[in-house]
N, C-alpha and C. Protein backbone atom coordinates (compact mmCIF):
# COMPACT_ATOMS: atom_id res chain seq x y z
N MET A 1 8.81 16.91 -9.94
CA MET A 1 9.74 16.34 -9.00
C MET A 1 9.03 15.40 -8.02
N MET A 2 7.93 15.86 -7.43
CA MET A 2 7.24 15.01 -6.45
C MET A 2 6.69 13.76 -7.11
N GLN A 3 6.17 13.87 -8.33
CA GLN A 3 5.65 12.71 -9.03
C GLN A 3 6.76 11.69 -9.29
N LEU A 4 7.92 12.16 -9.70
CA LEU A 4 9.05 11.26 -9.94
C LEU A 4 9.46 10.54 -8.66
N GLN A 5 9.47 11.28 -7.57
CA GLN A 5 9.82 10.67 -6.29
C GLN A 5 8.76 9.65 -5.88
N TYR A 6 7.50 9.99 -6.10
CA TYR A 6 6.43 9.07 -5.73
C TYR A 6 6.48 7.79 -6.58
N ASP A 7 6.90 7.91 -7.82
CA ASP A 7 7.07 6.72 -8.65
C ASP A 7 8.08 5.76 -8.00
N MET A 8 9.14 6.31 -7.42
CA MET A 8 10.12 5.47 -6.72
C MET A 8 9.51 4.85 -5.46
N VAL A 9 8.71 5.62 -4.75
CA VAL A 9 8.02 5.11 -3.56
C VAL A 9 7.11 3.95 -3.95
N LYS A 10 6.37 4.12 -5.04
CA LYS A 10 5.46 3.05 -5.49
C LYS A 10 6.24 1.78 -5.87
N GLY A 11 7.40 1.95 -6.47
CA GLY A 11 8.22 0.80 -6.81
C GLY A 11 8.67 0.05 -5.57
N SER A 12 9.11 0.79 -4.58
CA SER A 12 9.51 0.19 -3.32
C SER A 12 8.33 -0.48 -2.62
N ARG A 13 7.18 0.19 -2.68
CA ARG A 13 5.96 -0.36 -2.08
C ARG A 13 5.55 -1.66 -2.76
N GLN A 14 5.71 -1.71 -4.08
CA GLN A 14 5.36 -2.92 -4.82
C GLN A 14 6.20 -4.11 -4.34
N VAL A 15 7.48 -3.86 -4.11
CA VAL A 15 8.35 -4.92 -3.58
C VAL A 15 7.83 -5.38 -2.22
N LEU A 16 7.44 -4.43 -1.37
CA LEU A 16 6.91 -4.79 -0.05
C LEU A 16 5.62 -5.60 -0.17
N LEU A 17 4.70 -5.15 -1.00
CA LEU A 17 3.42 -5.85 -1.14
C LEU A 17 3.60 -7.23 -1.76
N ASP A 18 4.52 -7.34 -2.71
CA ASP A 18 4.81 -8.66 -3.28
C ASP A 18 5.37 -9.59 -2.20
N TYR A 19 6.24 -9.06 -1.37
CA TYR A 19 6.79 -9.84 -0.26
C TYR A 19 5.68 -10.26 0.70
N CYS A 20 4.81 -9.31 1.05
CA CYS A 20 3.70 -9.62 1.98
C CYS A 20 2.78 -10.69 1.40
N ALA A 21 2.70 -10.76 0.08
CA ALA A 21 1.86 -11.78 -0.56
C ALA A 21 2.40 -13.19 -0.32
N THR A 22 3.67 -13.30 0.04
CA THR A 22 4.25 -14.62 0.32
C THR A 22 3.99 -15.07 1.75
N LEU A 23 3.50 -14.18 2.58
CA LEU A 23 3.23 -14.50 3.98
C LEU A 23 1.87 -15.16 4.10
N SER A 24 1.70 -15.95 5.12
CA SER A 24 0.38 -16.55 5.37
C SER A 24 -0.59 -15.46 5.81
N ASP A 25 -1.88 -15.72 5.60
CA ASP A 25 -2.89 -14.77 6.08
C ASP A 25 -2.78 -14.60 7.59
N ALA A 26 -2.43 -15.68 8.29
CA ALA A 26 -2.29 -15.60 9.75
C ALA A 26 -1.19 -14.62 10.12
N HIS A 27 -0.05 -14.67 9.45
CA HIS A 27 1.04 -13.74 9.76
C HIS A 27 0.71 -12.33 9.28
N PHE A 28 -0.09 -12.21 8.25
CA PHE A 28 -0.50 -10.89 7.76
C PHE A 28 -1.38 -10.19 8.80
N LEU A 29 -2.23 -10.95 9.47
CA LEU A 29 -3.21 -10.38 10.41
C LEU A 29 -2.77 -10.42 11.87
N GLN A 30 -1.82 -11.26 12.21
CA GLN A 30 -1.46 -11.51 13.61
C GLN A 30 -0.73 -10.33 14.23
N PRO A 31 -1.22 -9.82 15.37
CA PRO A 31 -0.51 -8.74 16.06
C PRO A 31 0.83 -9.22 16.60
N CYS A 32 1.79 -8.34 16.59
CA CYS A 32 3.11 -8.61 17.15
C CYS A 32 3.30 -7.62 18.30
N GLU A 33 3.38 -8.13 19.50
CA GLU A 33 3.47 -7.27 20.69
C GLU A 33 4.67 -6.33 20.56
N GLY A 34 4.46 -5.11 20.96
CA GLY A 34 5.53 -4.13 20.94
C GLY A 34 5.49 -3.17 19.75
N PHE A 35 4.62 -3.44 18.80
CA PHE A 35 4.50 -2.55 17.65
C PHE A 35 3.18 -1.79 17.77
N GLY A 36 3.20 -0.52 17.44
CA GLY A 36 2.00 0.30 17.53
C GLY A 36 0.99 0.00 16.46
N ARG A 37 -0.13 0.68 16.52
CA ARG A 37 -1.21 0.58 15.53
C ARG A 37 -1.74 -0.84 15.42
N GLY A 38 -1.84 -1.53 16.55
CA GLY A 38 -2.38 -2.87 16.53
C GLY A 38 -1.33 -3.93 16.25
N GLY A 39 -0.14 -3.49 15.85
CA GLY A 39 0.99 -4.37 15.73
C GLY A 39 0.94 -5.46 14.69
N SER A 40 0.03 -5.38 13.73
CA SER A 40 0.02 -6.39 12.68
C SER A 40 0.46 -5.75 11.38
N ILE A 41 0.91 -6.59 10.46
CA ILE A 41 1.31 -6.10 9.15
C ILE A 41 0.13 -5.41 8.48
N ARG A 42 -1.04 -6.05 8.53
CA ARG A 42 -2.25 -5.45 7.94
C ARG A 42 -2.55 -4.09 8.54
N ASN A 43 -2.51 -4.00 9.87
CA ASN A 43 -2.86 -2.74 10.51
C ASN A 43 -1.89 -1.63 10.15
N LEU A 44 -0.61 -1.97 10.03
CA LEU A 44 0.36 -0.95 9.65
C LEU A 44 0.15 -0.49 8.21
N LEU A 45 -0.17 -1.41 7.32
CA LEU A 45 -0.47 -1.02 5.94
C LEU A 45 -1.68 -0.10 5.88
N VAL A 46 -2.71 -0.43 6.62
CA VAL A 46 -3.91 0.42 6.65
C VAL A 46 -3.58 1.77 7.27
N HIS A 47 -2.79 1.76 8.33
CA HIS A 47 -2.40 3.02 8.97
C HIS A 47 -1.63 3.92 7.99
N ILE A 48 -0.75 3.34 7.20
CA ILE A 48 -0.04 4.12 6.18
C ILE A 48 -1.05 4.79 5.25
N CYS A 49 -2.02 4.02 4.78
CA CYS A 49 -3.04 4.57 3.88
C CYS A 49 -3.88 5.64 4.56
N ASN A 50 -4.23 5.41 5.82
CA ASN A 50 -5.01 6.41 6.56
C ASN A 50 -4.24 7.72 6.69
N THR A 51 -2.95 7.65 6.80
CA THR A 51 -2.15 8.87 6.88
C THR A 51 -2.19 9.63 5.56
N TYR A 52 -2.09 8.92 4.45
CA TYR A 52 -2.26 9.57 3.14
C TYR A 52 -3.67 10.17 3.04
N GLN A 53 -4.69 9.42 3.47
CA GLN A 53 -6.06 9.91 3.40
C GLN A 53 -6.22 11.19 4.21
N GLY A 54 -5.59 11.23 5.38
CA GLY A 54 -5.72 12.40 6.24
C GLY A 54 -4.97 13.62 5.72
N TRP A 55 -3.67 13.48 5.54
CA TRP A 55 -2.85 14.63 5.18
C TRP A 55 -3.05 15.08 3.73
N ILE A 56 -3.15 14.13 2.82
CA ILE A 56 -3.29 14.51 1.42
C ILE A 56 -4.75 14.69 1.05
N GLY A 57 -5.58 13.70 1.37
CA GLY A 57 -6.99 13.76 0.98
C GLY A 57 -7.77 14.82 1.72
N GLN A 58 -7.74 14.74 3.04
CA GLN A 58 -8.56 15.66 3.84
C GLN A 58 -7.94 17.05 3.92
N ASP A 59 -6.66 17.12 4.31
CA ASP A 59 -6.06 18.43 4.54
C ASP A 59 -5.71 19.16 3.25
N ALA A 60 -4.99 18.51 2.35
CA ALA A 60 -4.53 19.21 1.14
C ALA A 60 -5.62 19.34 0.09
N LEU A 61 -6.39 18.27 -0.13
CA LEU A 61 -7.39 18.28 -1.19
C LEU A 61 -8.79 18.62 -0.69
N GLN A 62 -8.95 18.76 0.61
CA GLN A 62 -10.24 19.12 1.21
C GLN A 62 -11.35 18.14 0.84
N GLN A 63 -11.01 16.85 0.76
CA GLN A 63 -11.99 15.81 0.47
C GLN A 63 -12.47 15.21 1.79
N GLU A 64 -13.72 14.83 1.80
CA GLU A 64 -14.26 14.15 2.97
C GLU A 64 -14.00 12.66 2.84
N LEU A 65 -12.89 12.23 3.41
CA LEU A 65 -12.50 10.83 3.32
C LEU A 65 -12.52 10.21 4.71
N PRO A 66 -13.32 9.20 4.90
CA PRO A 66 -13.25 8.50 6.19
C PRO A 66 -12.00 7.64 6.22
N PHE A 67 -11.46 7.47 7.41
CA PHE A 67 -10.32 6.57 7.55
C PHE A 67 -10.78 5.14 7.33
N THR A 68 -9.94 4.36 6.71
CA THR A 68 -10.25 2.96 6.43
C THR A 68 -10.12 2.15 7.72
N PRO A 69 -11.16 1.42 8.10
CA PRO A 69 -11.04 0.55 9.28
C PRO A 69 -10.10 -0.63 8.97
N TYR A 70 -9.33 -1.03 9.97
CA TYR A 70 -8.41 -2.15 9.78
C TYR A 70 -9.12 -3.37 9.23
N GLU A 71 -10.30 -3.64 9.75
CA GLU A 71 -11.04 -4.85 9.40
C GLU A 71 -11.46 -4.89 7.93
N GLN A 72 -11.44 -3.75 7.27
CA GLN A 72 -11.81 -3.70 5.85
C GLN A 72 -10.77 -4.41 4.98
N VAL A 73 -9.58 -4.53 5.49
CA VAL A 73 -8.49 -5.19 4.76
C VAL A 73 -8.24 -6.54 5.42
N GLN A 74 -8.53 -7.60 4.69
CA GLN A 74 -8.39 -8.95 5.23
C GLN A 74 -7.25 -9.75 4.59
N ASN A 75 -6.70 -9.24 3.50
CA ASN A 75 -5.63 -9.96 2.82
C ASN A 75 -4.83 -8.97 1.98
N ILE A 76 -3.79 -9.47 1.35
CA ILE A 76 -2.91 -8.58 0.60
C ILE A 76 -3.61 -7.97 -0.62
N ASP A 77 -4.55 -8.69 -1.21
CA ASP A 77 -5.28 -8.11 -2.34
C ASP A 77 -6.10 -6.90 -1.92
N ASP A 78 -6.70 -6.98 -0.73
CA ASP A 78 -7.43 -5.82 -0.20
C ASP A 78 -6.47 -4.64 0.02
N ALA A 79 -5.27 -4.94 0.52
CA ALA A 79 -4.28 -3.88 0.75
C ALA A 79 -3.84 -3.26 -0.58
N ARG A 80 -3.64 -4.09 -1.58
CA ARG A 80 -3.26 -3.56 -2.90
C ARG A 80 -4.34 -2.62 -3.44
N GLN A 81 -5.60 -2.99 -3.26
CA GLN A 81 -6.70 -2.14 -3.72
C GLN A 81 -6.71 -0.80 -2.98
N LEU A 82 -6.46 -0.85 -1.69
CA LEU A 82 -6.42 0.38 -0.90
C LEU A 82 -5.28 1.28 -1.38
N PHE A 83 -4.12 0.71 -1.64
CA PHE A 83 -3.01 1.52 -2.15
C PHE A 83 -3.29 2.04 -3.55
N ALA A 84 -4.05 1.32 -4.36
CA ALA A 84 -4.44 1.83 -5.67
C ALA A 84 -5.27 3.11 -5.50
N GLU A 85 -6.13 3.12 -4.50
CA GLU A 85 -6.92 4.33 -4.21
C GLU A 85 -6.01 5.47 -3.75
N ILE A 86 -5.00 5.14 -2.97
CA ILE A 86 -4.04 6.16 -2.52
C ILE A 86 -3.29 6.72 -3.72
N ASN A 87 -2.94 5.87 -4.67
CA ASN A 87 -2.25 6.36 -5.88
C ASN A 87 -3.10 7.37 -6.64
N LEU A 88 -4.39 7.13 -6.71
CA LEU A 88 -5.30 8.09 -7.36
C LEU A 88 -5.35 9.40 -6.59
N LEU A 89 -5.36 9.30 -5.28
CA LEU A 89 -5.36 10.48 -4.42
C LEU A 89 -4.10 11.32 -4.67
N LEU A 90 -2.96 10.66 -4.77
CA LEU A 90 -1.71 11.38 -5.02
C LEU A 90 -1.69 11.98 -6.42
N ALA A 91 -2.29 11.31 -7.39
CA ALA A 91 -2.37 11.89 -8.74
C ALA A 91 -3.15 13.20 -8.69
N ASP A 92 -4.25 13.23 -7.94
CA ASP A 92 -5.01 14.47 -7.76
C ASP A 92 -4.17 15.54 -7.08
N PHE A 93 -3.42 15.13 -6.06
CA PHE A 93 -2.57 16.05 -5.31
C PHE A 93 -1.52 16.69 -6.24
N PHE A 94 -0.85 15.86 -7.05
CA PHE A 94 0.18 16.38 -7.96
C PHE A 94 -0.42 17.31 -9.01
N ALA A 95 -1.63 17.00 -9.47
CA ALA A 95 -2.29 17.86 -10.45
C ALA A 95 -2.66 19.21 -9.83
N ARG A 96 -3.11 19.17 -8.60
CA ARG A 96 -3.55 20.40 -7.95
C ARG A 96 -2.37 21.25 -7.47
N TYR A 97 -1.29 20.59 -7.07
CA TYR A 97 -0.13 21.30 -6.53
C TYR A 97 1.14 20.95 -7.32
N PRO A 98 1.23 21.41 -8.57
CA PRO A 98 2.43 21.10 -9.35
C PRO A 98 3.68 21.81 -8.81
N ASP A 99 3.46 22.90 -8.09
CA ASP A 99 4.58 23.65 -7.49
C ASP A 99 4.81 23.11 -6.08
N PRO A 100 5.96 22.50 -5.82
CA PRO A 100 6.23 21.94 -4.49
C PRO A 100 6.18 22.98 -3.37
N GLN A 101 6.37 24.26 -3.73
CA GLN A 101 6.37 25.31 -2.71
C GLN A 101 4.98 25.93 -2.51
N ALA A 102 3.98 25.41 -3.20
CA ALA A 102 2.61 25.92 -3.01
C ALA A 102 2.22 25.76 -1.55
N ARG A 103 1.54 26.77 -1.03
CA ARG A 103 1.14 26.75 0.38
C ARG A 103 -0.16 25.98 0.54
N ILE A 104 -0.18 25.16 1.57
CA ILE A 104 -1.38 24.42 1.99
C ILE A 104 -1.45 24.62 3.49
N GLY A 105 -2.25 25.58 3.89
CA GLY A 105 -2.28 25.94 5.31
C GLY A 105 -0.92 26.46 5.73
N ASP A 106 -0.36 25.86 6.78
CA ASP A 106 0.94 26.32 7.27
C ASP A 106 2.10 25.48 6.73
N SER A 107 1.84 24.69 5.71
CA SER A 107 2.86 23.83 5.11
C SER A 107 2.95 24.10 3.62
N THR A 108 3.99 23.55 3.03
CA THR A 108 4.09 23.54 1.57
C THR A 108 3.65 22.16 1.08
N ALA A 109 3.37 22.09 -0.21
CA ALA A 109 3.02 20.79 -0.81
C ALA A 109 4.16 19.80 -0.59
N LEU A 110 5.38 20.26 -0.74
CA LEU A 110 6.54 19.39 -0.55
C LEU A 110 6.64 18.88 0.88
N GLU A 111 6.36 19.75 1.85
CA GLU A 111 6.41 19.31 3.25
C GLU A 111 5.38 18.23 3.53
N LEU A 112 4.15 18.41 3.05
CA LEU A 112 3.12 17.40 3.27
C LEU A 112 3.48 16.09 2.57
N PHE A 113 3.95 16.20 1.34
CA PHE A 113 4.34 15.02 0.59
C PHE A 113 5.49 14.29 1.29
N THR A 114 6.49 15.03 1.72
CA THR A 114 7.62 14.43 2.42
C THR A 114 7.17 13.76 3.70
N HIS A 115 6.25 14.39 4.39
CA HIS A 115 5.73 13.82 5.64
C HIS A 115 5.11 12.45 5.41
N VAL A 116 4.26 12.33 4.40
CA VAL A 116 3.55 11.06 4.21
C VAL A 116 4.47 9.97 3.68
N ILE A 117 5.43 10.32 2.84
CA ILE A 117 6.29 9.25 2.32
C ILE A 117 7.31 8.79 3.36
N THR A 118 7.82 9.70 4.18
CA THR A 118 8.75 9.26 5.23
C THR A 118 7.99 8.45 6.28
N HIS A 119 6.75 8.80 6.53
CA HIS A 119 5.91 8.03 7.44
C HIS A 119 5.73 6.61 6.91
N GLU A 120 5.47 6.48 5.59
CA GLU A 120 5.32 5.17 4.99
C GLU A 120 6.58 4.33 5.17
N PHE A 121 7.74 4.93 4.93
CA PHE A 121 8.99 4.18 5.04
C PHE A 121 9.27 3.77 6.49
N HIS A 122 8.92 4.60 7.43
CA HIS A 122 9.07 4.25 8.85
C HIS A 122 8.29 2.97 9.15
N HIS A 123 7.03 2.95 8.75
CA HIS A 123 6.20 1.78 9.05
C HIS A 123 6.56 0.58 8.18
N LYS A 124 7.08 0.83 6.99
CA LYS A 124 7.55 -0.28 6.15
C LYS A 124 8.65 -1.03 6.89
N GLY A 125 9.54 -0.32 7.54
CA GLY A 125 10.58 -0.97 8.34
C GLY A 125 10.00 -1.81 9.46
N GLN A 126 8.95 -1.29 10.10
CA GLN A 126 8.29 -2.07 11.15
C GLN A 126 7.65 -3.34 10.58
N ILE A 127 7.04 -3.22 9.42
CA ILE A 127 6.42 -4.39 8.79
C ILE A 127 7.46 -5.47 8.54
N LEU A 128 8.60 -5.07 8.03
CA LEU A 128 9.67 -6.04 7.77
C LEU A 128 10.18 -6.65 9.07
N SER A 129 10.26 -5.85 10.13
CA SER A 129 10.68 -6.37 11.44
C SER A 129 9.67 -7.38 11.98
N ILE A 130 8.38 -7.07 11.83
CA ILE A 130 7.35 -8.01 12.28
C ILE A 130 7.49 -9.33 11.53
N SER A 131 7.70 -9.24 10.22
CA SER A 131 7.82 -10.48 9.45
C SER A 131 9.02 -11.30 9.93
N ARG A 132 10.07 -10.63 10.33
CA ARG A 132 11.24 -11.34 10.86
C ARG A 132 10.86 -12.07 12.16
N HIS A 133 10.02 -11.43 12.97
CA HIS A 133 9.54 -12.08 14.21
C HIS A 133 8.80 -13.37 13.87
N TRP A 134 8.14 -13.41 12.73
CA TRP A 134 7.39 -14.60 12.35
C TRP A 134 8.27 -15.63 11.63
N GLY A 135 9.58 -15.35 11.55
CA GLY A 135 10.51 -16.32 10.98
C GLY A 135 10.81 -16.16 9.51
N HIS A 136 10.37 -15.06 8.92
CA HIS A 136 10.62 -14.80 7.49
C HIS A 136 11.91 -13.99 7.33
N ILE A 137 12.47 -14.06 6.16
CA ILE A 137 13.65 -13.25 5.83
C ILE A 137 13.18 -12.10 4.96
N PRO A 138 13.20 -10.87 5.50
CA PRO A 138 12.70 -9.72 4.74
C PRO A 138 13.50 -9.45 3.48
N VAL A 139 12.83 -8.86 2.51
CA VAL A 139 13.47 -8.45 1.27
C VAL A 139 13.94 -7.00 1.40
N ASP A 140 14.78 -6.59 0.48
CA ASP A 140 15.26 -5.22 0.44
C ASP A 140 14.20 -4.36 -0.26
N THR A 141 13.63 -3.44 0.47
CA THR A 141 12.60 -2.58 -0.09
C THR A 141 13.06 -1.12 -0.21
N ASP A 142 14.35 -0.90 -0.13
CA ASP A 142 14.86 0.46 -0.27
C ASP A 142 14.59 0.98 -1.69
N ILE A 143 14.60 2.28 -1.84
CA ILE A 143 14.43 2.89 -3.16
C ILE A 143 15.54 2.39 -4.08
N LYS A 144 16.76 2.43 -3.59
CA LYS A 144 17.91 1.97 -4.36
C LYS A 144 18.31 0.60 -3.80
N ARG A 145 18.03 -0.42 -4.60
CA ARG A 145 18.31 -1.79 -4.16
C ARG A 145 19.48 -2.36 -4.92
């Protein structure tokens, strides 16, 4: 079940990353006042990945994963590579926790998984809002389009 849901998340993410590829590097990196995590599209994408690294990699899988510095991602291709690494992390997570009700500390696998994907969608909305501030027309990145 979680793998099937994540496949839908990846599809939605692909639409977002393809859209971000149409933006200038300046708009990809430029902070937008009023948004957290440095307020840039790049920083929000990295923050999404850092959340997967923390909750899934460090907490659930007990891997020693350093958080990715924002500066490590300079363009959309760098972001795509980082998300490819996150996809591998989730594959390990699904293999280790095939039962969504498996306990991981004080949470279930499903709770941790739900936490990271809803977090991603929250920031995806911010990314689209930032792009609107830069004069772009956002695409529909919902699961069901």
